[in-house]
Amino acid sequence: MLHRVFKALADPTRLRILNLLMEAPFCVCELGQALQLPQPLISRHLAYLKNAGLVQDHRQGMRVQYSISLDCRNRAGFDPFLRNALSSDLACREDLRRCRQIDDEPGRRSKGEATSVVPGIH
């Protein structure tokens, strides 16, 4: 199983997806918009991450929300290591910036909804 985790982490697109999922859960369409990649490509990478045990999914109405798996979050040192490594990557920083801009778009949040997709932004 460990070899699957390392193989999953060896792809730049999967790292970019993990970078966003470490901030909040997202559906495929939101990830595609933030990463500026086609949804079928995002879906394939999410399936790879899920098979490696790094990502879990949860159906929420018509959408499937993806998030970092609890097993992954509970691995000692994994979360801080990955956050630190991804914070120094220019593409990952740009993805977070784009995600925050998407979150700030008018009409993005329904009335009365106080929280943001990305923590720290209201």
PDB file of N, CA and C in Angstrom:
ATOM      1  N   MET A   1       0.823  -1.202   0.000  1.00  0.00           N
ATOM      2  CA  MET A   1       0.000   0.000   0.000  1.00  0.00           C
ATOM      3  C   MET A   1       0.864   1.263   0.000  1.00  0.00           C
ATOM      4  N   LEU A   2       1.967   1.261   0.710  1.00  0.00           N
ATOM      5  CA  LEU A   2       2.822   2.441   0.783  1.00  0.00           C
ATOM      6  C   LEU A   2       3.333   2.852  -0.600  1.00  0.00           C
ATOM      7  N   HIS A   3       3.639   1.874  -1.452  1.00  0.00           N
ATOM      8  CA  HIS A   3       4.118   2.216  -2.793  1.00  0.00           C
ATOM      9  C   HIS A   3       3.058   2.970  -3.591  1.00  0.00           C
ATOM     10  N   ARG A   4       1.764   2.694  -3.343  1.00  0.00           N
ATOM     11  CA  ARG A   4       0.694   3.418  -4.027  1.00  0.00           C
ATOM     12  C   ARG A   4       0.666   4.884  -3.603  1.00  0.00           C
ATOM     13  N   VAL A   5       0.921   5.132  -2.339  1.00  0.00           N
ATOM     14  CA  VAL A   5       0.942   6.509  -1.835  1.00  0.00           C
ATOM     15  C   VAL A   5       2.052   7.293  -2.526  1.00  0.00           C
ATOM     16  N   PHE A   6       3.245   6.706  -2.590  1.00  0.00           N
ATOM     17  CA  PHE A   6       4.364   7.410  -3.215  1.00  0.00           C
ATOM     18  C   PHE A   6       4.143   7.600  -4.713  1.00  0.00           C
ATOM     19  N   LYS A   7       3.548   6.613  -5.377  1.00  0.00           N
ATOM     20  CA  LYS A   7       3.247   6.769  -6.799  1.00  0.00           C
ATOM     21  C   LYS A   7       2.209   7.871  -7.005  1.00  0.00           C
ATOM     22  N   ALA A   8       1.239   7.945  -6.107  1.00  0.00           N
ATOM     23  CA  ALA A   8       0.214   8.991  -6.212  1.00  0.00           C
ATOM     24  C   ALA A   8       0.824  10.372  -6.020  1.00  0.00           C
ATOM     25  N   LEU A   9       1.787  10.476  -5.134  1.00  0.00           N
ATOM     26  CA  LEU A   9       2.431  11.763  -4.853  1.00  0.00           C
ATOM     27  C   LEU A   9       3.435  12.166  -5.931  1.00  0.00           C
ATOM     28  N   ALA A  10       3.739  11.260  -6.858  1.00  0.00           N
ATOM     29  CA  ALA A  10       4.761  11.523  -7.871  1.00  0.00           C
ATOM     30  C   ALA A  10       4.242  12.347  -9.052  1.00  0.00           C
ATOM     31  N   ASP A  11       2.958  12.671  -9.066  1.00  0.00           N
ATOM     32  CA  ASP A  11       2.391  13.405 -10.191  1.00  0.00           C
ATOM     33  C   ASP A  11       2.073  14.852  -9.779  1.00  0.00           C
ATOM     34  N   PRO A  12       2.530  15.832 -10.543  1.00  0.00           N
ATOM     35  CA  PRO A  12       2.289  17.239 -10.185  1.00  0.00           C
ATOM     36  C   PRO A  12       0.801  17.615 -10.111  1.00  0.00           C
ATOM     37  N   THR A  13      -0.017  17.078 -10.992  1.00  0.00           N
ATOM     38  CA  THR A  13      -1.450  17.399 -10.958  1.00  0.00           C
ATOM     39  C   THR A  13      -2.091  16.846  -9.696  1.00  0.00           C
ATOM     40  N   ARG A  14      -1.718  15.638  -9.301  1.00  0.00           N
ATOM     41  CA  ARG A  14      -2.284  15.068  -8.072  1.00  0.00           C
ATOM     42  C   ARG A  14      -1.825  15.856  -6.847  1.00  0.00           C
ATOM     43  N   LEU A  15      -0.612  16.357  -6.865  1.00  0.00           N
ATOM     44  CA  LEU A  15      -0.147  17.208  -5.761  1.00  0.00           C
ATOM     45  C   LEU A  15      -0.945  18.500  -5.698  1.00  0.00           C
ATOM     46  N   ARG A  16      -1.262  19.065  -6.861  1.00  0.00           N
ATOM     47  CA  ARG A  16      -2.060  20.293  -6.890  1.00  0.00           C
ATOM     48  C   ARG A  16      -3.462  20.039  -6.341  1.00  0.00           C
ATOM     49  N   ILE A  17      -4.029  18.889  -6.665  1.00  0.00           N
ATOM     50  CA  ILE A  17      -5.351  18.527  -6.141  1.00  0.00           C
ATOM     51  C   ILE A  17      -5.287  18.372  -4.630  1.00  0.00           C
ATOM     52  N   LEU A  18      -4.291  17.655  -4.138  1.00  0.00           N
ATOM     53  CA  LEU A  18      -4.134  17.483  -2.689  1.00  0.00           C
ATOM     54  C   LEU A  18      -3.964  18.821  -1.995  1.00  0.00           C
ATOM     55  N   ASN A  19      -3.232  19.723  -2.620  1.00  0.00           N
ATOM     56  CA  ASN A  19      -3.014  21.052  -2.050  1.00  0.00           C
ATOM     57  C   ASN A  19      -4.348  21.743  -1.753  1.00  0.00           C
ATOM     58  N   LEU A  20      -5.276  21.681  -2.692  1.00  0.00           N
ATOM     59  CA  LEU A  20      -6.579  22.316  -2.484  1.00  0.00           C
ATOM     60  C   LEU A  20      -7.430  21.528  -1.495  1.00  0.00           C
ATOM     61  N   LEU A  21      -7.378  20.211  -1.579  1.00  0.00           N
ATOM     62  CA  LEU A  21      -8.188  19.387  -0.675  1.00  0.00           C
ATOM     63  C   LEU A  21      -7.726  19.491   0.773  1.00  0.00           C
ATOM     64  N   MET A  22      -6.489  19.885   0.987  1.00  0.00           N
ATOM     65  CA  MET A  22      -6.011  20.073   2.349  1.00  0.00           C
ATOM     66  C   MET A  22      -6.651  21.315   2.975  1.00  0.00           C
ATOM     67  N   GLU A  23      -7.177  22.204   2.132  1.00  0.00           N
ATOM     68  CA  GLU A  23      -7.834  23.420   2.619  1.00  0.00           C
ATOM     69  C   GLU A  23      -9.308  23.195   2.917  1.00  0.00           C
ATOM     70  N   ALA A  24      -9.982  22.431   2.038  1.00  0.00           N
ATOM     71  CA  ALA A  24     -11.426  22.215   2.173  1.00  0.00           C
ATOM     72  C   ALA A  24     -11.860  21.134   1.189  1.00  0.00           C
ATOM     73  N   PRO A  25     -13.030  20.538   1.413  1.00  0.00           N
ATOM     74  CA  PRO A  25     -13.570  19.588   0.431  1.00  0.00           C
ATOM     75  C   PRO A  25     -14.020  20.327  -0.830  1.00  0.00           C
ATOM     76  N   PHE A  26     -13.904  19.669  -1.969  1.00  0.00           N
ATOM     77  CA  PHE A  26     -14.314  20.235  -3.249  1.00  0.00           C
ATOM     78  C   PHE A  26     -14.969  19.164  -4.101  1.00  0.00           C
ATOM     79  N   CYS A  27     -15.811  19.604  -5.030  1.00  0.00           N
ATOM     80  CA  CYS A  27     -16.333  18.694  -6.043  1.00  0.00           C
ATOM     81  C   CYS A  27     -15.429  18.821  -7.279  1.00  0.00           C
ATOM     82  N   VAL A  28     -15.624  17.928  -8.236  1.00  0.00           N
ATOM     83  CA  VAL A  28     -14.784  17.907  -9.437  1.00  0.00           C
ATOM     84  C   VAL A  28     -14.883  19.227 -10.203  1.00  0.00           C
ATOM     85  N   CYS A  29     -16.080  19.775 -10.311  1.00  0.00           N
ATOM     86  CA  CYS A  29     -16.230  21.017 -11.088  1.00  0.00           C
ATOM     87  C   CYS A  29     -15.470  22.178 -10.440  1.00  0.00           C
ATOM     88  N   GLU A  30     -15.485  22.255  -9.113  1.00  0.00           N
ATOM     89  CA  GLU A  30     -14.744  23.318  -8.422  1.00  0.00           C
ATOM     90  C   GLU A  30     -13.238  23.130  -8.583  1.00  0.00           C
ATOM     91  N   LEU A  31     -12.778  21.890  -8.486  1.00  0.00           N
ATOM     92  CA  LEU A  31     -11.350  21.628  -8.679  1.00  0.00           C
ATOM     93  C   LEU A  31     -10.930  21.965 -10.103  1.00  0.00           C
ATOM     94  N   GLY A  32     -11.766  21.601 -11.066  1.00  0.00           N
ATOM     95  CA  GLY A  32     -11.454  21.907 -12.464  1.00  0.00           C
ATOM     96  C   GLY A  32     -11.335  23.396 -12.709  1.00  0.00           C
ATOM     97  N   GLN A  33     -12.224  24.164 -12.100  1.00  0.00           N
ATOM     98  CA  GLN A  33     -12.190  25.618 -12.260  1.00  0.00           C
ATOM     99  C   GLN A  33     -10.942  26.211 -11.598  1.00  0.00           C
ATOM    100  N   ALA A  34     -10.629  25.761 -10.404  1.00  0.00           N
ATOM    101  CA  ALA A  34      -9.471  26.307  -9.684  1.00  0.00           C
ATOM    102  C   ALA A  34      -8.153  25.909 -10.340  1.00  0.00           C
ATOM    103  N   LEU A  35      -8.085  24.674 -10.842  1.00  0.00           N
ATOM    104  CA  LEU A  35      -6.839  24.185 -11.438  1.00  0.00           C
ATOM    105  C   LEU A  35      -6.741  24.479 -12.925  1.00  0.00           C
ATOM    106  N   GLN A  36      -7.854  24.954 -13.507  1.00  0.00           N
ATOM    107  CA  GLN A  36      -7.931  25.232 -14.936  1.00  0.00           C
ATOM    108  C   GLN A  36      -7.586  23.996 -15.764  1.00  0.00           C
ATOM    109  N   LEU A  37      -8.209  22.876 -15.360  1.00  0.00           N
ATOM    110  CA  LEU A  37      -8.020  21.598 -16.044  1.00  0.00           C
ATOM    111  C   LEU A  37      -9.384  20.987 -16.327  1.00  0.00           C
ATOM    112  N   PRO A  38      -9.488  20.125 -17.353  1.00  0.00           N
ATOM    113  CA  PRO A  38     -10.777  19.513 -17.673  1.00  0.00           C
ATOM    114  C   PRO A  38     -11.239  18.531 -16.590  1.00  0.00           C
ATOM    115  N   GLN A  39     -12.556  18.480 -16.395  1.00  0.00           N
ATOM    116  CA  GLN A  39     -13.115  17.623 -15.354  1.00  0.00           C
ATOM    117  C   GLN A  39     -12.768  16.141 -15.514  1.00  0.00           C
ATOM    118  N   PRO A  40     -12.763  15.581 -16.739  1.00  0.00           N
ATOM    119  CA  PRO A  40     -12.392  14.154 -16.855  1.00  0.00           C
ATOM    120  C   PRO A  40     -10.977  13.865 -16.348  1.00  0.00           C
ATOM    121  N   LEU A  41     -10.062  14.801 -16.580  1.00  0.00           N
ATOM    122  CA  LEU A  41      -8.696  14.639 -16.091  1.00  0.00           C
ATOM    123  C   LEU A  41      -8.664  14.679 -14.560  1.00  0.00           C
ATOM    124  N   ILE A  42      -9.400  15.631 -13.978  1.00  0.00           N
ATOM    125  CA  ILE A  42      -9.477  15.740 -12.520  1.00  0.00           C
ATOM    126  C   ILE A  42     -10.066  14.455 -11.938  1.00  0.00           C
ATOM    127  N   SER A  43     -11.124  13.945 -12.562  1.00  0.00           N
ATOM    128  CA  SER A  43     -11.770  12.718 -12.077  1.00  0.00           C
ATOM    129  C   SER A  43     -10.818  11.531 -12.079  1.00  0.00           C
ATOM    130  N   ARG A  44     -10.033  11.400 -13.124  1.00  0.00           N
ATOM    131  CA  ARG A  44      -9.051  10.290 -13.188  1.00  0.00           C
ATOM    132  C   ARG A  44      -8.022  10.408 -12.072  1.00  0.00           C
ATOM    133  N   HIS A  45      -7.550  11.619 -11.843  1.00  0.00           N
ATOM    134  CA  HIS A  45      -6.552  11.817 -10.781  1.00  0.00           C
ATOM    135  C   HIS A  45      -7.169  11.593  -9.399  1.00  0.00           C
ATOM    136  N   LEU A  46      -8.418  12.002  -9.210  1.00  0.00           N
ATOM    137  CA  LEU A  46      -9.086  11.761  -7.935  1.00  0.00           C
ATOM    138  C   LEU A  46      -9.259  10.262  -7.687  1.00  0.00           C
ATOM    139  N   ALA A  47      -9.581   9.510  -8.725  1.00  0.00           N
ATOM    140  CA  ALA A  47      -9.712   8.056  -8.585  1.00  0.00           C
ATOM    141  C   ALA A  47      -8.372   7.443  -8.179  1.00  0.00           C
ATOM    142  N   TYR A  48      -7.289   7.932  -8.749  1.00  0.00           N
ATOM    143  CA  TYR A  48      -5.949   7.440  -8.414  1.00  0.00           C
ATOM    144  C   TYR A  48      -5.634   7.748  -6.944  1.00  0.00           C
ATOM    145  N   LEU A  49      -5.931   8.973  -6.532  1.00  0.00           N
ATOM    146  CA  LEU A  49      -5.689   9.374  -5.138  1.00  0.00           C
ATOM    147  C   LEU A  49      -6.562   8.572  -4.174  1.00  0.00           C
ATOM    148  N   LYS A  50      -7.788   8.302  -4.578  1.00  0.00           N
ATOM    149  CA  LYS A  50      -8.692   7.514  -3.738  1.00  0.00           C
ATOM    150  C   LYS A  50      -8.187   6.077  -3.594  1.00  0.00           C
ATOM    151  N   ASN A  51      -7.735   5.489  -4.688  1.00  0.00           N
ATOM    152  CA  ASN A  51      -7.196   4.122  -4.644  1.00  0.00           C
ATOM    153  C   ASN A  51      -5.932   4.035  -3.792  1.00  0.00           C
ATOM    154  N   ALA A  52      -5.211   5.128  -3.686  1.00  0.00           N
ATOM    155  CA  ALA A  52      -4.005   5.165  -2.846  1.00  0.00           C
ATOM    156  C   ALA A  52      -4.341   5.430  -1.384  1.00  0.00           C
ATOM    157  N   GLY A  53      -5.619   5.697  -1.089  1.00  0.00           N
ATOM    158  CA  GLY A  53      -6.035   5.941   0.284  1.00  0.00           C
ATOM    159  C   GLY A  53      -5.806   7.367   0.763  1.00  0.00           C
ATOM    160  N   LEU A  54      -5.535   8.276  -0.160  1.00  0.00           N
ATOM    161  CA  LEU A  54      -5.256   9.663   0.220  1.00  0.00           C
ATOM    162  C   LEU A  54      -6.503  10.542   0.220  1.00  0.00           C
ATOM    163  N   VAL A  55      -7.509  10.141  -0.547  1.00  0.00           N
ATOM    164  CA  VAL A  55      -8.712  10.947  -0.728  1.00  0.00           C
ATOM    165  C   VAL A  55      -9.940  10.081  -0.482  1.00  0.00           C
ATOM    166  N   GLN A  56     -10.968  10.707   0.063  1.00  0.00           N
ATOM    167  CA  GLN A  56     -12.254  10.025   0.232  1.00  0.00           C
ATOM    168  C   GLN A  56     -13.328  10.867  -0.437  1.00  0.00           C
ATOM    169  N   ASP A  57     -14.445  10.238  -0.772  1.00  0.00           N
ATOM    170  CA  ASP A  57     -15.538  10.987  -1.378  1.00  0.00           C
ATOM    171  C   ASP A  57     -16.796  10.843  -0.548  1.00  0.00           C
ATOM    172  N   HIS A  58     -17.671  11.816  -0.719  1.00  0.00           N
ATOM    173  CA  HIS A  58     -18.932  11.851   0.026  1.00  0.00           C
ATOM    174  C   HIS A  58     -19.982  12.505  -0.865  1.00  0.00           C
ATOM    175  N   ARG A  59     -21.053  11.776  -1.131  1.00  0.00           N
ATOM    176  CA  ARG A  59     -22.127  12.325  -1.967  1.00  0.00           C
ATOM    177  C   ARG A  59     -22.899  13.371  -1.179  1.00  0.00           C
ATOM    178  N   GLN A  60     -23.072  14.527  -1.796  1.00  0.00           N
ATOM    179  CA  GLN A  60     -23.813  15.623  -1.189  1.00  0.00           C
ATOM    180  C   GLN A  60     -24.802  16.120  -2.244  1.00  0.00           C
ATOM    181  N   GLY A  61     -26.017  15.563  -2.203  1.00  0.00           N
ATOM    182  CA  GLY A  61     -27.008  15.888  -3.219  1.00  0.00           C
ATOM    183  C   GLY A  61     -26.564  15.328  -4.555  1.00  0.00           C
ATOM    184  N   MET A  62     -26.521  16.179  -5.559  1.00  0.00           N
ATOM    185  CA  MET A  62     -26.108  15.765  -6.905  1.00  0.00           C
ATOM    186  C   MET A  62     -24.597  15.718  -7.072  1.00  0.00           C
ATOM    187  N   ARG A  63     -23.883  16.312  -6.150  1.00  0.00           N
ATOM    188  CA  ARG A  63     -22.424  16.395  -6.270  1.00  0.00           C
ATOM    189  C   ARG A  63     -21.728  15.396  -5.363  1.00  0.00           C
ATOM    190  N   VAL A  64     -20.517  15.068  -5.753  1.00  0.00           N
ATOM    191  CA  VAL A  64     -19.655  14.246  -4.916  1.00  0.00           C
ATOM    192  C   VAL A  64     -18.541  15.150  -4.418  1.00  0.00           C
ATOM    193  N   GLN A  65     -18.432  15.283  -3.111  1.00  0.00           N
ATOM    194  CA  GLN A  65     -17.388  16.099  -2.496  1.00  0.00           C
ATOM    195  C   GLN A  65     -16.178  15.219  -2.193  1.00  0.00           C
ATOM    196  N   TYR A  66     -15.019  15.693  -2.514  1.00  0.00           N
ATOM    197  CA  TYR A  66     -13.770  14.982  -2.233  1.00  0.00           C
ATOM    198  C   TYR A  66     -13.021  15.710  -1.131  1.00  0.00           C
ATOM    199  N   SER A  67     -12.390  14.940  -0.264  1.00  0.00           N
ATOM    200  CA  SER A  67     -11.594  15.517   0.822  1.00  0.00           C
ATOM    201  C   SER A  67     -10.431  14.575   1.128  1.00  0.00           C
ATOM    202  N   ILE A  68      -9.482  15.079   1.907  1.00  0.00           N
ATOM    203  CA  ILE A  68      -8.371  14.246   2.358  1.00  0.00           C
ATOM    204  C   ILE A  68      -8.943  13.161   3.261  1.00  0.00           C
ATOM    205  N   SER A  69      -8.492  11.931   3.079  1.00  0.00           N
ATOM    206  CA  SER A  69      -9.022  10.828   3.886  1.00  0.00           C
ATOM    207  C   SER A  69      -8.581  10.965   5.339  1.00  0.00           C
ATOM    208  N   LEU A  70      -9.407  10.455   6.226  1.00  0.00           N
ATOM    209  CA  LEU A  70      -9.083  10.504   7.650  1.00  0.00           C
ATOM    210  C   LEU A  70      -7.821   9.712   7.944  1.00  0.00           C
ATOM    211  N   ASP A  71      -7.628   8.589   7.260  1.00  0.00           N
ATOM    212  CA  ASP A  71      -6.401   7.802   7.447  1.00  0.00           C
ATOM    213  C   ASP A  71      -5.170   8.634   7.119  1.00  0.00           C
ATOM    214  N   CYS A  72      -5.262   9.402   6.066  1.00  0.00           N
ATOM    215  CA  CYS A  72      -4.146  10.243   5.636  1.00  0.00           C
ATOM    216  C   CYS A  72      -3.875  11.344   6.661  1.00  0.00           C
ATOM    217  N   ARG A  73      -4.929  11.977   7.144  1.00  0.00           N
ATOM    218  CA  ARG A  73      -4.771  13.058   8.132  1.00  0.00           C
ATOM    219  C   ARG A  73      -4.210  12.537   9.453  1.00  0.00           C
ATOM    220  N   ASN A  74      -4.491  11.279   9.778  1.00  0.00           N
ATOM    221  CA  ASN A  74      -4.047  10.710  11.047  1.00  0.00           C
ATOM    222  C   ASN A  74      -2.616  10.180  11.007  1.00  0.00           C
ATOM    223  N   ARG A  75      -2.014  10.127   9.845  1.00  0.00           N
ATOM    224  CA  ARG A  75      -0.626   9.672   9.760  1.00  0.00           C
ATOM    225  C   ARG A  75       0.281  10.759  10.324  1.00  0.00           C
ATOM    226  N   ALA A  76       0.988  10.412  11.353  1.00  0.00           N
ATOM    227  CA  ALA A  76       1.842  11.382  12.046  1.00  0.00           C
ATOM    228  C   ALA A  76       2.848  12.005  11.082  1.00  0.00           C
ATOM    229  N   GLY A  77       2.841  13.325  11.036  1.00  0.00           N
ATOM    230  CA  GLY A  77       3.815  14.057  10.249  1.00  0.00           C
ATOM    231  C   GLY A  77       3.474  14.236   8.782  1.00  0.00           C
ATOM    232  N   PHE A  78       2.523  13.466   8.263  1.00  0.00           N
ATOM    233  CA  PHE A  78       2.223  13.545   6.830  1.00  0.00           C
ATOM    234  C   PHE A  78       1.639  14.901   6.448  1.00  0.00           C
ATOM    235  N   ASP A  79       0.622  15.337   7.179  1.00  0.00           N
ATOM    236  CA  ASP A  79      -0.061  16.581   6.870  1.00  0.00           C
ATOM    237  C   ASP A  79       0.896  17.774   6.918  1.00  0.00           C
ATOM    238  N   PRO A  80       1.648  17.955   8.022  1.00  0.00           N
ATOM    239  CA  PRO A  80       2.581  19.106   8.056  1.00  0.00           C
ATOM    240  C   PRO A  80       3.658  19.031   6.977  1.00  0.00           C
ATOM    241  N   PHE A  81       4.152  17.821   6.716  1.00  0.00           N
ATOM    242  CA  PHE A  81       5.186  17.665   5.685  1.00  0.00           C
ATOM    243  C   PHE A  81       4.652  18.089   4.319  1.00  0.00           C
ATOM    244  N   LEU A  82       3.474  17.581   3.974  1.00  0.00           N
ATOM    245  CA  LEU A  82       2.906  17.878   2.666  1.00  0.00           C
ATOM    246  C   LEU A  82       2.555  19.364   2.540  1.00  0.00           C
ATOM    247  N   ARG A  83       1.979  19.940   3.583  1.00  0.00           N
ATOM    248  CA  ARG A  83       1.651  21.376   3.553  1.00  0.00           C
ATOM    249  C   ARG A  83       2.910  22.219   3.340  1.00  0.00           C
ATOM    250  N   ASN A  84       3.964  21.886   4.050  1.00  0.00           N
ATOM    251  CA  ASN A  84       5.212  22.631   3.926  1.00  0.00           C
ATOM    252  C   ASN A  84       5.792  22.488   2.519  1.00  0.00           C
ATOM    253  N   ALA A  85       5.797  21.280   2.000  1.00  0.00           N
ATOM    254  CA  ALA A  85       6.345  21.052   0.667  1.00  0.00           C
ATOM    255  C   ALA A  85       5.537  21.779  -0.404  1.00  0.00           C
ATOM    256  N   LEU A  86       4.219  21.729  -0.305  1.00  0.00           N
ATOM    257  CA  LEU A  86       3.374  22.349  -1.324  1.00  0.00           C
ATOM    258  C   LEU A  86       3.351  23.865  -1.224  1.00  0.00           C
ATOM    259  N   SER A  87       3.589  24.407  -0.035  1.00  0.00           N
ATOM    260  CA  SER A  87       3.569  25.866   0.124  1.00  0.00           C
ATOM    261  C   SER A  87       4.716  26.542  -0.620  1.00  0.00           C
ATOM    262  N   SER A  88       5.755  25.795  -0.920  1.00  0.00           N
ATOM    263  CA  SER A  88       6.889  26.378  -1.640  1.00  0.00           C
ATOM    264  C   SER A  88       6.751  26.214  -3.158  1.00  0.00           C
ATOM    265  N   ASP A  89       5.690  25.560  -3.606  1.00  0.00           N
ATOM    266  CA  ASP A  89       5.488  25.321  -5.036  1.00  0.00           C
ATOM    267  C   ASP A  89       4.658  26.454  -5.645  1.00  0.00           C
ATOM    268  N   LEU A  90       5.179  27.083  -6.679  1.00  0.00           N
ATOM    269  CA  LEU A  90       4.513  28.222  -7.306  1.00  0.00           C
ATOM    270  C   LEU A  90       3.135  27.852  -7.854  1.00  0.00           C
ATOM    271  N   ALA A  91       3.024  26.723  -8.539  1.00  0.00           N
ATOM    272  CA  ALA A  91       1.729  26.313  -9.107  1.00  0.00           C
ATOM    273  C   ALA A  91       0.696  26.116  -8.007  1.00  0.00           C
ATOM    274  N   CYS A  92       1.091  25.536  -6.893  1.00  0.00           N
ATOM    275  CA  CYS A  92       0.169  25.307  -5.778  1.00  0.00           C
ATOM    276  C   CYS A  92      -0.280  26.629  -5.158  1.00  0.00           C
ATOM    277  N   ARG A  93       0.632  27.567  -5.042  1.00  0.00           N
ATOM    278  CA  ARG A  93       0.264  28.884  -4.508  1.00  0.00           C
ATOM    279  C   ARG A  93      -0.708  29.600  -5.443  1.00  0.00           C
ATOM    280  N   GLU A  94      -0.469  29.489  -6.748  1.00  0.00           N
ATOM    281  CA  GLU A  94      -1.361  30.103  -7.735  1.00  0.00           C
ATOM    282  C   GLU A  94      -2.751  29.448  -7.703  1.00  0.00           C
ATOM    283  N   ASP A  95      -2.800  28.133  -7.532  1.00  0.00           N
ATOM    284  CA  ASP A  95      -4.084  27.432  -7.443  1.00  0.00           C
ATOM    285  C   ASP A  95      -4.894  27.947  -6.258  1.00  0.00           C
ATOM    286  N   LEU A  96      -4.242  28.115  -5.118  1.00  0.00           N
ATOM    287  CA  LEU A  96      -4.941  28.637  -3.931  1.00  0.00           C
ATOM    288  C   LEU A  96      -5.431  30.066  -4.170  1.00  0.00           C
ATOM    289  N   ARG A  97      -4.620  30.869  -4.821  1.00  0.00           N
ATOM    290  CA  ARG A  97      -5.007  32.249  -5.127  1.00  0.00           C
ATOM    291  C   ARG A  97      -6.234  32.258  -6.038  1.00  0.00           C
ATOM    292  N   ARG A  98      -6.204  31.426  -7.083  1.00  0.00           N
ATOM    293  CA  ARG A  98      -7.331  31.331  -8.011  1.00  0.00           C
ATOM    294  C   ARG A  98      -8.591  30.835  -7.304  1.00  0.00           C
ATOM    295  N   CYS A  99      -8.405  29.878  -6.418  1.00  0.00           N
ATOM    296  CA  CYS A  99      -9.526  29.331  -5.659  1.00  0.00           C
ATOM    297  C   CYS A  99     -10.167  30.416  -4.804  1.00  0.00           C
ATOM    298  N   ARG A 100      -9.357  31.253  -4.213  1.00  0.00           N
ATOM    299  CA  ARG A 100      -9.879  32.346  -3.384  1.00  0.00           C
ATOM    300  C   ARG A 100     -10.618  33.378  -4.239  1.00  0.00           C
ATOM    301  N   GLN A 101     -10.125  33.615  -5.459  1.00  0.00           N
ATOM    302  CA  GLN A 101     -10.805  34.547  -6.359  1.00  0.00           C
ATOM    303  C   GLN A 101     -12.162  33.985  -6.776  1.00  0.00           C
ATOM    304  N   ILE A 102     -12.211  32.702  -7.054  1.00  0.00           N
ATOM    305  CA  ILE A 102     -13.477  32.051  -7.411  1.00  0.00           C
ATOM    306  C   ILE A 102     -14.452  32.172  -6.253  1.00  0.00           C
ATOM    307  N   ASP A 103     -13.950  31.975  -5.050  1.00  0.00           N
ATOM    308  CA  ASP A 103     -14.791  32.037  -3.857  1.00  0.00           C
ATOM    309  C   ASP A 103     -15.346  33.441  -3.639  1.00  0.00           C
ATOM    310  N   ASP A 104     -14.623  34.465  -4.096  1.00  0.00           N
ATOM    311  CA  ASP A 104     -15.057  35.852  -3.915  1.00  0.00           C
ATOM    312  C   ASP A 104     -16.017  36.336  -5.001  1.00  0.00           C
ATOM    313  N   GLU A 105     -16.255  35.512  -6.034  1.00  0.00           N
ATOM    314  CA  GLU A 105     -17.140  35.930  -7.116  1.00  0.00           C
ATOM    315  C   GLU A 105     -18.547  36.189  -6.592  1.00  0.00           C
ATOM    316  N   PRO A 106     -19.204  37.232  -7.104  1.00  0.00           N
ATOM    317  CA  PRO A 106     -20.575  37.515  -6.692  1.00  0.00           C
ATOM    318  C   PRO A 106     -21.485  36.323  -7.011  1.00  0.00           C
ATOM    319  N   GLY A 107     -22.350  36.011  -6.068  1.00  0.00           N
ATOM    320  CA  GLY A 107     -23.278  34.899  -6.259  1.00  0.00           C
ATOM    321  C   GLY A 107     -22.695  33.541  -5.953  1.00  0.00           C
ATOM    322  N   ARG A 108     -21.434  33.486  -5.593  1.00  0.00           N
ATOM    323  CA  ARG A 108     -20.778  32.213  -5.298  1.00  0.00           C
ATOM    324  C   ARG A 108     -21.398  31.557  -4.081  1.00  0.00           C
ATOM    325  N   ARG A 109     -21.688  32.335  -3.069  1.00  0.00           N
ATOM    326  CA  ARG A 109     -22.265  31.833  -1.821  1.00  0.00           C
ATOM    327  C   ARG A 109     -23.737  32.181  -1.779  1.00  0.00           C
ATOM    328  N   SER A 110     -24.538  31.278  -1.276  1.00  0.00           N
ATOM    329  CA  SER A 110     -25.961  31.567  -1.144  1.00  0.00           C
ATOM    330  C   SER A 110     -26.193  32.503   0.037  1.00  0.00           C
ATOM    331  N   LYS A 111     -27.322  33.193   0.028  1.00  0.00           N
ATOM    332  CA  LYS A 111     -27.641  34.163   1.077  1.00  0.00           C
ATOM    333  C   LYS A 111     -27.598  33.526   2.453  1.00  0.00           C
ATOM    334  N   GLY A 112     -26.995  34.214   3.392  1.00  0.00           N
ATOM    335  CA  GLY A 112     -26.931  33.730   4.761  1.00  0.00           C
ATOM    336  C   GLY A 112     -25.793  32.767   5.014  1.00  0.00           C
ATOM    337  N   GLU A 113     -25.054  32.407   3.988  1.00  0.00           N
ATOM    338  CA  GLU A 113     -23.955  31.482   4.165  1.00  0.00           C
ATOM    339  C   GLU A 113     -22.709  32.282   4.516  1.00  0.00           C
ATOM    340  N   ALA A 114     -22.185  32.046   5.712  1.00  0.00           N
ATOM    341  CA  ALA A 114     -21.101  32.886   6.212  1.00  0.00           C
ATOM    342  C   ALA A 114     -19.731  32.316   5.904  1.00  0.00           C
ATOM    343  N   THR A 115     -19.641  31.029   5.682  1.00  0.00           N
ATOM    344  CA  THR A 115     -18.322  30.430   5.524  1.00  0.00           C
ATOM    345  C   THR A 115     -17.902  30.372   4.073  1.00  0.00           C
ATOM    346  N   SER A 116     -16.631  30.289   3.877  1.00  0.00           N
ATOM    347  CA  SER A 116     -16.029  30.224   2.568  1.00  0.00           C
ATOM    348  C   SER A 116     -15.604  28.812   2.246  1.00  0.00           C
ATOM    349  N   VAL A 117     -15.408  28.540   0.973  1.00  0.00           N
ATOM    350  CA  VAL A 117     -14.862  27.249   0.566  1.00  0.00           C
ATOM    351  C   VAL A 117     -13.457  27.095   1.113  1.00  0.00           C
ATOM    352  N   VAL A 118     -12.704  28.169   1.080  1.00  0.00           N
ATOM    353  CA  VAL A 118     -11.324  28.127   1.579  1.00  0.00           C
ATOM    354  C   VAL A 118     -11.284  28.777   2.945  1.00  0.00           C
ATOM    355  N   PRO A 119     -10.831  28.031   3.966  1.00  0.00           N
ATOM    356  CA  PRO A 119     -10.789  28.593   5.326  1.00  0.00           C
ATOM    357  C   PRO A 119     -10.004  29.898   5.370  1.00  0.00           C
ATOM    358  N   GLY A 120     -10.457  30.786   6.241  1.00  0.00           N
ATOM    359  CA  GLY A 120      -9.766  32.053   6.410  1.00  0.00           C
ATOM    360  C   GLY A 120     -10.315  33.151   5.535  1.00  0.00           C
ATOM    361  N   ILE A 121     -11.273  32.797   4.648  1.00  0.00           N
ATOM    362  CA  ILE A 121     -11.862  33.797   3.776  1.00  0.00           C
ATOM    363  C   ILE A 121     -13.351  33.829   4.054  1.00  0.00           C
ATOM    364  N   HIS A 122     -13.893  35.002   4.332  1.00  0.00           N
ATOM    365  CA  HIS A 122     -15.325  35.143   4.606  1.00  0.00           C
ATOM    366  C   HIS A 122     -15.940  36.164   3.701  1.00  0.00           C
TER     367      HIS A 122
END
